[in-house]
Amino acid sequence: MTETYFEFGTPADRWDRAERELRTLLAADPVESYATLLLGRTLERQGRNDEARPYLRMAAAMSGDFAELGPSAAAR
């Protein structure tokens, strides 16, 4: 168990890594809708709802599925 913890890091480390990798993907392909959605969800899960909102809205617009908007994207 300890080896797994150190291999993957703390939960905060994993969110940071996911955010970095998703931002890198989006820098290379800004219209990648799934990466946009995942970045929004990653930010949302960290409690960074204001930052998540534009990504979640963009992902919904790209997919045409506005019902998939979470609570962060729906708030103004």
PDB file of N, CA and C in Angstrom:
ATOM      1  N   MET A   1       0.826  -1.197   0.000  1.00  0.00           N
ATOM      2  CA  MET A   1       0.000   0.000   0.000  1.00  0.00           C
ATOM      3  C   MET A   1       0.867   1.256   0.000  1.00  0.00           C
ATOM      4  N   THR A   2       1.899   1.272   0.815  1.00  0.00           N
ATOM      5  CA  THR A   2       2.777   2.430   0.889  1.00  0.00           C
ATOM      6  C   THR A   2       3.454   2.683  -0.450  1.00  0.00           C
ATOM      7  N   GLU A   3       3.854   1.629  -1.139  1.00  0.00           N
ATOM      8  CA  GLU A   3       4.509   1.793  -2.440  1.00  0.00           C
ATOM      9  C   GLU A   3       3.576   2.450  -3.439  1.00  0.00           C
ATOM     10  N   THR A   4       2.327   2.037  -3.429  1.00  0.00           N
ATOM     11  CA  THR A   4       1.347   2.623  -4.335  1.00  0.00           C
ATOM     12  C   THR A   4       1.162   4.096  -4.024  1.00  0.00           C
ATOM     13  N   TYR A   5       1.076   4.437  -2.753  1.00  0.00           N
ATOM     14  CA  TYR A   5       0.907   5.828  -2.341  1.00  0.00           C
ATOM     15  C   TYR A   5       2.056   6.688  -2.853  1.00  0.00           C
ATOM     16  N   PHE A   6       3.274   6.209  -2.679  1.00  0.00           N
ATOM     17  CA  PHE A   6       4.422   6.991  -3.122  1.00  0.00           C
ATOM     18  C   PHE A   6       4.555   7.006  -4.643  1.00  0.00           C
ATOM     19  N   GLU A   7       4.124   5.943  -5.284  1.00  0.00           N
ATOM     20  CA  GLU A   7       4.197   5.896  -6.739  1.00  0.00           C
ATOM     21  C   GLU A   7       3.279   6.934  -7.375  1.00  0.00           C
ATOM     22  N   PHE A   8       2.091   7.042  -6.842  1.00  0.00           N
ATOM     23  CA  PHE A   8       1.103   7.938  -7.450  1.00  0.00           C
ATOM     24  C   PHE A   8       0.987   9.273  -6.733  1.00  0.00           C
ATOM     25  N   GLY A   9       1.524   9.389  -5.545  1.00  0.00           N
ATOM     26  CA  GLY A   9       1.479  10.642  -4.809  1.00  0.00           C
ATOM     27  C   GLY A   9       0.184  10.825  -4.050  1.00  0.00           C
ATOM     28  N   THR A  10       0.056  11.990  -3.447  1.00  0.00           N
ATOM     29  CA  THR A  10      -1.148  12.308  -2.683  1.00  0.00           C
ATOM     30  C   THR A  10      -2.285  12.633  -3.646  1.00  0.00           C
ATOM     31  N   PRO A  11      -3.521  12.639  -3.159  1.00  0.00           N
ATOM     32  CA  PRO A  11      -4.630  13.034  -4.036  1.00  0.00           C
ATOM     33  C   PRO A  11      -4.412  14.415  -4.665  1.00  0.00           C
ATOM     34  N   ALA A  12      -3.881  15.353  -3.892  1.00  0.00           N
ATOM     35  CA  ALA A  12      -3.620  16.690  -4.440  1.00  0.00           C
ATOM     36  C   ALA A  12      -2.594  16.628  -5.564  1.00  0.00           C
ATOM     37  N   ASP A  13      -1.575  15.794  -5.400  1.00  0.00           N
ATOM     38  CA  ASP A  13      -0.567  15.621  -6.454  1.00  0.00           C
ATOM     39  C   ASP A  13      -1.204  15.082  -7.728  1.00  0.00           C
ATOM     40  N   ARG A  14      -2.123  14.143  -7.557  1.00  0.00           N
ATOM     41  CA  ARG A  14      -2.778  13.552  -8.735  1.00  0.00           C
ATOM     42  C   ARG A  14      -3.640  14.576  -9.451  1.00  0.00           C
ATOM     43  N   TRP A  15      -4.368  15.418  -8.696  1.00  0.00           N
ATOM     44  CA  TRP A  15      -5.178  16.459  -9.342  1.00  0.00           C
ATOM     45  C   TRP A  15      -4.281  17.438 -10.088  1.00  0.00           C
ATOM     46  N   ASP A  16      -3.163  17.815  -9.462  1.00  0.00           N
ATOM     47  CA  ASP A  16      -2.227  18.749 -10.104  1.00  0.00           C
ATOM     48  C   ASP A  16      -1.666  18.151 -11.388  1.00  0.00           C
ATOM     49  N   ARG A  17      -1.297  16.892 -11.330  1.00  0.00           N
ATOM     50  CA  ARG A  17      -0.750  16.217 -12.518  1.00  0.00           C
ATOM     51  C   ARG A  17      -1.799  16.132 -13.624  1.00  0.00           C
ATOM     52  N   ALA A  18      -3.015  15.761 -13.251  1.00  0.00           N
ATOM     53  CA  ALA A  18      -4.093  15.678 -14.242  1.00  0.00           C
ATOM     54  C   ALA A  18      -4.333  17.042 -14.882  1.00  0.00           C
ATOM     55  N   GLU A  19      -4.369  18.077 -14.067  1.00  0.00           N
ATOM     56  CA  GLU A  19      -4.590  19.422 -14.592  1.00  0.00           C
ATOM     57  C   GLU A  19      -3.476  19.815 -15.564  1.00  0.00           C
ATOM     58  N   ARG A  20      -2.227  19.572 -15.194  1.00  0.00           N
ATOM     59  CA  ARG A  20      -1.102  19.914 -16.073  1.00  0.00           C
ATOM     60  C   ARG A  20      -1.204  19.176 -17.408  1.00  0.00           C
ATOM     61  N   GLU A  21      -1.484  17.887 -17.338  1.00  0.00           N
ATOM     62  CA  GLU A  21      -1.545  17.097 -18.575  1.00  0.00           C
ATOM     63  C   GLU A  21      -2.718  17.511 -19.456  1.00  0.00           C
ATOM     64  N   LEU A  22      -3.857  17.805 -18.833  1.00  0.00           N
ATOM     65  CA  LEU A  22      -5.016  18.243 -19.619  1.00  0.00           C
ATOM     66  C   LEU A  22      -4.765  19.603 -20.259  1.00  0.00           C
ATOM     67  N   ARG A  23      -4.123  20.497 -19.531  1.00  0.00           N
ATOM     68  CA  ARG A  23      -3.815  21.813 -20.110  1.00  0.00           C
ATOM     69  C   ARG A  23      -2.828  21.673 -21.273  1.00  0.00           C
ATOM     70  N   THR A  24      -1.890  20.749 -21.152  1.00  0.00           N
ATOM     71  CA  THR A  24      -0.949  20.486 -22.244  1.00  0.00           C
ATOM     72  C   THR A  24      -1.691  19.958 -23.468  1.00  0.00           C
ATOM     73  N   LEU A  25      -2.603  19.017 -23.247  1.00  0.00           N
ATOM     74  CA  LEU A  25      -3.410  18.490 -24.353  1.00  0.00           C
ATOM     75  C   LEU A  25      -4.216  19.588 -25.031  1.00  0.00           C
ATOM     76  N   LEU A  26      -4.825  20.440 -24.221  1.00  0.00           N
ATOM     77  CA  LEU A  26      -5.660  21.504 -24.785  1.00  0.00           C
ATOM     78  C   LEU A  26      -4.835  22.587 -25.478  1.00  0.00           C
ATOM     79  N   ALA A  27      -3.596  22.770 -25.045  1.00  0.00           N
ATOM     80  CA  ALA A  27      -2.730  23.727 -25.740  1.00  0.00           C
ATOM     81  C   ALA A  27      -2.436  23.231 -27.153  1.00  0.00           C
ATOM     82  N   ALA A  28      -2.308  21.914 -27.285  1.00  0.00           N
ATOM     83  CA  ALA A  28      -2.029  21.325 -28.600  1.00  0.00           C
ATOM     84  C   ALA A  28      -3.286  21.196 -29.448  1.00  0.00           C
ATOM     85  N   ASP A  29      -4.433  20.980 -28.805  1.00  0.00           N
ATOM     86  CA  ASP A  29      -5.690  20.766 -29.533  1.00  0.00           C
ATOM     87  C   ASP A  29      -6.835  21.406 -28.748  1.00  0.00           C
ATOM     88  N   PRO A  30      -7.035  22.705 -28.920  1.00  0.00           N
ATOM     89  CA  PRO A  30      -8.020  23.446 -28.116  1.00  0.00           C
ATOM     90  C   PRO A  30      -9.475  22.998 -28.296  1.00  0.00           C
ATOM     91  N   VAL A  31      -9.766  22.247 -29.342  1.00  0.00           N
ATOM     92  CA  VAL A  31     -11.147  21.811 -29.557  1.00  0.00           C
ATOM     93  C   VAL A  31     -11.366  20.352 -29.155  1.00  0.00           C
ATOM     94  N   GLU A  32     -10.466  19.813 -28.359  1.00  0.00           N
ATOM     95  CA  GLU A  32     -10.621  18.450 -27.848  1.00  0.00           C
ATOM     96  C   GLU A  32     -11.666  18.488 -26.725  1.00  0.00           C
ATOM     97  N   SER A  33     -12.884  18.087 -27.049  1.00  0.00           N
ATOM     98  CA  SER A  33     -14.004  18.254 -26.118  1.00  0.00           C
ATOM     99  C   SER A  33     -13.871  17.402 -24.860  1.00  0.00           C
ATOM    100  N   TYR A  34     -13.372  16.189 -24.983  1.00  0.00           N
ATOM    101  CA  TYR A  34     -13.273  15.337 -23.797  1.00  0.00           C
ATOM    102  C   TYR A  34     -12.227  15.879 -22.819  1.00  0.00           C
ATOM    103  N   ALA A  35     -11.096  16.360 -23.320  1.00  0.00           N
ATOM    104  CA  ALA A  35     -10.079  16.952 -22.450  1.00  0.00           C
ATOM    105  C   ALA A  35     -10.632  18.214 -21.786  1.00  0.00           C
ATOM    106  N   THR A  36     -11.446  18.968 -22.526  1.00  0.00           N
ATOM    107  CA  THR A  36     -12.073  20.172 -21.966  1.00  0.00           C
ATOM    108  C   THR A  36     -12.995  19.793 -20.814  1.00  0.00           C
ATOM    109  N   LEU A  37     -13.807  18.762 -21.028  1.00  0.00           N
ATOM    110  CA  LEU A  37     -14.707  18.285 -19.974  1.00  0.00           C
ATOM    111  C   LEU A  37     -13.906  17.791 -18.771  1.00  0.00           C
ATOM    112  N   LEU A  38     -12.876  16.995 -19.019  1.00  0.00           N
ATOM    113  CA  LEU A  38     -12.083  16.458 -17.913  1.00  0.00           C
ATOM    114  C   LEU A  38     -11.374  17.557 -17.124  1.00  0.00           C
ATOM    115  N   LEU A  39     -10.898  18.585 -17.806  1.00  0.00           N
ATOM    116  CA  LEU A  39     -10.263  19.691 -17.092  1.00  0.00           C
ATOM    117  C   LEU A  39     -11.298  20.395 -16.217  1.00  0.00           C
ATOM    118  N   GLY A  40     -12.475  20.623 -16.758  1.00  0.00           N
ATOM    119  CA  GLY A  40     -13.538  21.234 -15.953  1.00  0.00           C
ATOM    120  C   GLY A  40     -13.881  20.401 -14.737  1.00  0.00           C
ATOM    121  N   ARG A  41     -14.009  19.100 -14.914  1.00  0.00           N
ATOM    122  CA  ARG A  41     -14.330  18.206 -13.794  1.00  0.00           C
ATOM    123  C   ARG A  41     -13.178  18.141 -12.790  1.00  0.00           C
ATOM    124  N   THR A  42     -11.946  18.158 -13.283  1.00  0.00           N
ATOM    125  CA  THR A  42     -10.781  18.143 -12.395  1.00  0.00           C
ATOM    126  C   THR A  42     -10.765  19.386 -11.512  1.00  0.00           C
ATOM    127  N   LEU A  43     -10.994  20.534 -12.115  1.00  0.00           N
ATOM    128  CA  LEU A  43     -11.037  21.780 -11.345  1.00  0.00           C
ATOM    129  C   LEU A  43     -12.206  21.773 -10.367  1.00  0.00           C
ATOM    130  N   GLU A  44     -13.350  21.285 -10.825  1.00  0.00           N
ATOM    131  CA  GLU A  44     -14.543  21.227  -9.982  1.00  0.00           C
ATOM    132  C   GLU A  44     -14.303  20.343  -8.759  1.00  0.00           C
ATOM    133  N   ARG A  45     -13.666  19.219  -8.948  1.00  0.00           N
ATOM    134  CA  ARG A  45     -13.423  18.289  -7.836  1.00  0.00           C
ATOM    135  C   ARG A  45     -12.444  18.866  -6.812  1.00  0.00           C
ATOM    136  N   GLN A  46     -11.679  19.858  -7.237  1.00  0.00           N
ATOM    137  CA  GLN A  46     -10.767  20.526  -6.304  1.00  0.00           C
ATOM    138  C   GLN A  46     -11.440  21.702  -5.612  1.00  0.00           C
ATOM    139  N   GLY A  47     -12.726  21.911  -5.918  1.00  0.00           N
ATOM    140  CA  GLY A  47     -13.454  23.034  -5.331  1.00  0.00           C
ATOM    141  C   GLY A  47     -13.199  24.348  -6.041  1.00  0.00           C
ATOM    142  N   ARG A  48     -12.634  24.292  -7.231  1.00  0.00           N
ATOM    143  CA  ARG A  48     -12.298  25.503  -7.992  1.00  0.00           C
ATOM    144  C   ARG A  48     -13.389  25.751  -9.042  1.00  0.00           C
ATOM    145  N   ASN A  49     -14.610  25.945  -8.537  1.00  0.00           N
ATOM    146  CA  ASN A  49     -15.784  26.023  -9.395  1.00  0.00           C
ATOM    147  C   ASN A  49     -15.767  27.185 -10.377  1.00  0.00           C
ATOM    148  N   ASP A  50     -15.270  28.325  -9.950  1.00  0.00           N
ATOM    149  CA  ASP A  50     -15.216  29.472 -10.860  1.00  0.00           C
ATOM    150  C   ASP A  50     -14.293  29.206 -12.044  1.00  0.00           C
ATOM    151  N   GLU A  51     -13.196  28.506 -11.801  1.00  0.00           N
ATOM    152  CA  GLU A  51     -12.283  28.148 -12.880  1.00  0.00           C
ATOM    153  C   GLU A  51     -12.850  27.028 -13.743  1.00  0.00           C
ATOM    154  N   ALA A  52     -13.614  26.144 -13.136  1.00  0.00           N
ATOM    155  CA  ALA A  52     -14.182  24.999 -13.857  1.00  0.00           C
ATOM    156  C   ALA A  52     -15.299  25.409 -14.814  1.00  0.00           C
ATOM    157  N   ARG A  53     -16.075  26.391 -14.421  1.00  0.00           N
ATOM    158  CA  ARG A  53     -17.290  26.767 -15.151  1.00  0.00           C
ATOM    159  C   ARG A  53     -17.073  26.980 -16.651  1.00  0.00           C
ATOM    160  N   PRO A  54     -16.087  27.763 -17.091  1.00  0.00           N
ATOM    161  CA  PRO A  54     -15.946  27.969 -18.540  1.00  0.00           C
ATOM    162  C   PRO A  54     -15.606  26.687 -19.305  1.00  0.00           C
ATOM    163  N   TYR A  55     -14.825  25.820 -18.687  1.00  0.00           N
ATOM    164  CA  TYR A  55     -14.467  24.562 -19.357  1.00  0.00           C
ATOM    165  C   TYR A  55     -15.675  23.639 -19.470  1.00  0.00           C
ATOM    166  N   LEU A  56     -16.483  23.597 -18.417  1.00  0.00           N
ATOM    167  CA  LEU A  56     -17.671  22.762 -18.452  1.00  0.00           C
ATOM    168  C   LEU A  56     -18.679  23.285 -19.477  1.00  0.00           C
ATOM    169  N   ARG A  57     -18.809  24.591 -19.554  1.00  0.00           N
ATOM    170  CA  ARG A  57     -19.716  25.175 -20.550  1.00  0.00           C
ATOM    171  C   ARG A  57     -19.214  24.919 -21.970  1.00  0.00           C
ATOM    172  N   MET A  58     -17.917  25.082 -22.170  1.00  0.00           N
ATOM    173  CA  MET A  58     -17.349  24.820 -23.502  1.00  0.00           C
ATOM    174  C   MET A  58     -17.551  23.368 -23.905  1.00  0.00           C
ATOM    175  N   ALA A  59     -17.306  22.457 -22.975  1.00  0.00           N
ATOM    176  CA  ALA A  59     -17.470  21.034 -23.273  1.00  0.00           C
ATOM    177  C   ALA A  59     -18.915  20.723 -23.625  1.00  0.00           C
ATOM    178  N   ALA A  60     -19.838  21.323 -22.901  1.00  0.00           N
ATOM    179  CA  ALA A  60     -21.255  21.102 -23.192  1.00  0.00           C
ATOM    180  C   ALA A  60     -21.619  21.666 -24.560  1.00  0.00           C
ATOM    181  N   ALA A  61     -21.092  22.836 -24.871  1.00  0.00           N
ATOM    182  CA  ALA A  61     -21.368  23.435 -26.176  1.00  0.00           C
ATOM    183  C   ALA A  61     -20.771  22.608 -27.306  1.00  0.00           C
ATOM    184  N   MET A  62     -19.572  22.088 -27.087  1.00  0.00           N
ATOM    185  CA  MET A  62     -18.923  21.263 -28.113  1.00  0.00           C
ATOM    186  C   MET A  62     -19.695  19.976 -28.379  1.00  0.00           C
ATOM    187  N   SER A  63     -20.251  19.399 -27.309  1.00  0.00           N
ATOM    188  CA  SER A  63     -20.961  18.130 -27.465  1.00  0.00           C
ATOM    189  C   SER A  63     -22.436  18.332 -27.775  1.00  0.00           C
ATOM    190  N   GLY A  64     -22.947  19.546 -27.548  1.00  0.00           N
ATOM    191  CA  GLY A  64     -24.359  19.823 -27.763  1.00  0.00           C
ATOM    192  C   GLY A  64     -25.238  19.250 -26.665  1.00  0.00           C
ATOM    193  N   ASP A  65     -24.648  18.832 -25.567  1.00  0.00           N
ATOM    194  CA  ASP A  65     -25.398  18.198 -24.488  1.00  0.00           C
ATOM    195  C   ASP A  65     -25.401  19.081 -23.244  1.00  0.00           C
ATOM    196  N   PHE A  66     -26.259  20.071 -23.240  1.00  0.00           N
ATOM    197  CA  PHE A  66     -26.297  21.011 -22.127  1.00  0.00           C
ATOM    198  C   PHE A  66     -26.871  20.388 -20.854  1.00  0.00           C
ATOM    199  N   ALA A  67     -27.542  19.239 -20.969  1.00  0.00           N
ATOM    200  CA  ALA A  67     -28.057  18.555 -19.783  1.00  0.00           C
ATOM    201  C   ALA A  67     -26.918  18.000 -18.938  1.00  0.00           C
ATOM    202  N   GLU A  68     -25.741  17.845 -19.535  1.00  0.00           N
ATOM    203  CA  GLU A  68     -24.603  17.298 -18.813  1.00  0.00           C
ATOM    204  C   GLU A  68     -23.899  18.326 -17.936  1.00  0.00           C
ATOM    205  N   LEU A  69     -24.332  19.567 -18.000  1.00  0.00           N
ATOM    206  CA  LEU A  69     -23.690  20.593 -17.191  1.00  0.00           C
ATOM    207  C   LEU A  69     -23.872  20.299 -15.713  1.00  0.00           C
ATOM    208  N   GLY A  70     -22.786  20.381 -14.982  1.00  0.00           N
ATOM    209  CA  GLY A  70     -22.853  20.147 -13.550  1.00  0.00           C
ATOM    210  C   GLY A  70     -23.260  21.414 -12.824  1.00  0.00           C
ATOM    211  N   PRO A  71     -23.298  21.369 -11.493  1.00  0.00           N
ATOM    212  CA  PRO A  71     -23.712  22.525 -10.715  1.00  0.00           C
ATOM    213  C   PRO A  71     -22.810  23.734 -10.903  1.00  0.00           C
ATOM    214  N   SER A  72     -21.526  23.512 -11.138  1.00  0.00           N
ATOM    215  CA  SER A  72     -20.607  24.646 -11.319  1.00  0.00           C
ATOM    216  C   SER A  72     -20.897  25.388 -12.611  1.00  0.00           C
ATOM    217  N   ALA A  73     -21.177  24.665 -13.670  1.00  0.00           N
ATOM    218  CA  ALA A  73     -21.408  25.294 -14.970  1.00  0.00           C
ATOM    219  C   ALA A  73     -22.751  26.003 -15.012  1.00  0.00           C
ATOM    220  N   ALA A  74     -23.714  25.491 -14.279  1.00  0.00           N
ATOM    221  CA  ALA A  74     -25.049  26.075 -14.299  1.00  0.00           C
ATOM    222  C   ALA A  74     -25.100  27.383 -13.525  1.00  0.00           C
ATOM    223  N   ALA A  75     -24.260  27.541 -12.503  1.00  0.00           N
ATOM    224  CA  ALA A  75     -24.252  28.764 -11.691  1.00  0.00           C
ATOM    225  C   ALA A  75     -23.688  29.915 -12.486  1.00  0.00           C
ATOM    226  N   ARG A  76     -24.169  31.076 -12.208  1.00  0.00           N
ATOM    227  CA  ARG A  76     -23.650  32.266 -12.893  1.00  0.00           C
ATOM    228  C   ARG A  76     -22.853  33.065 -11.965  1.00  0.00           C
TER     229      ARG A  76
END
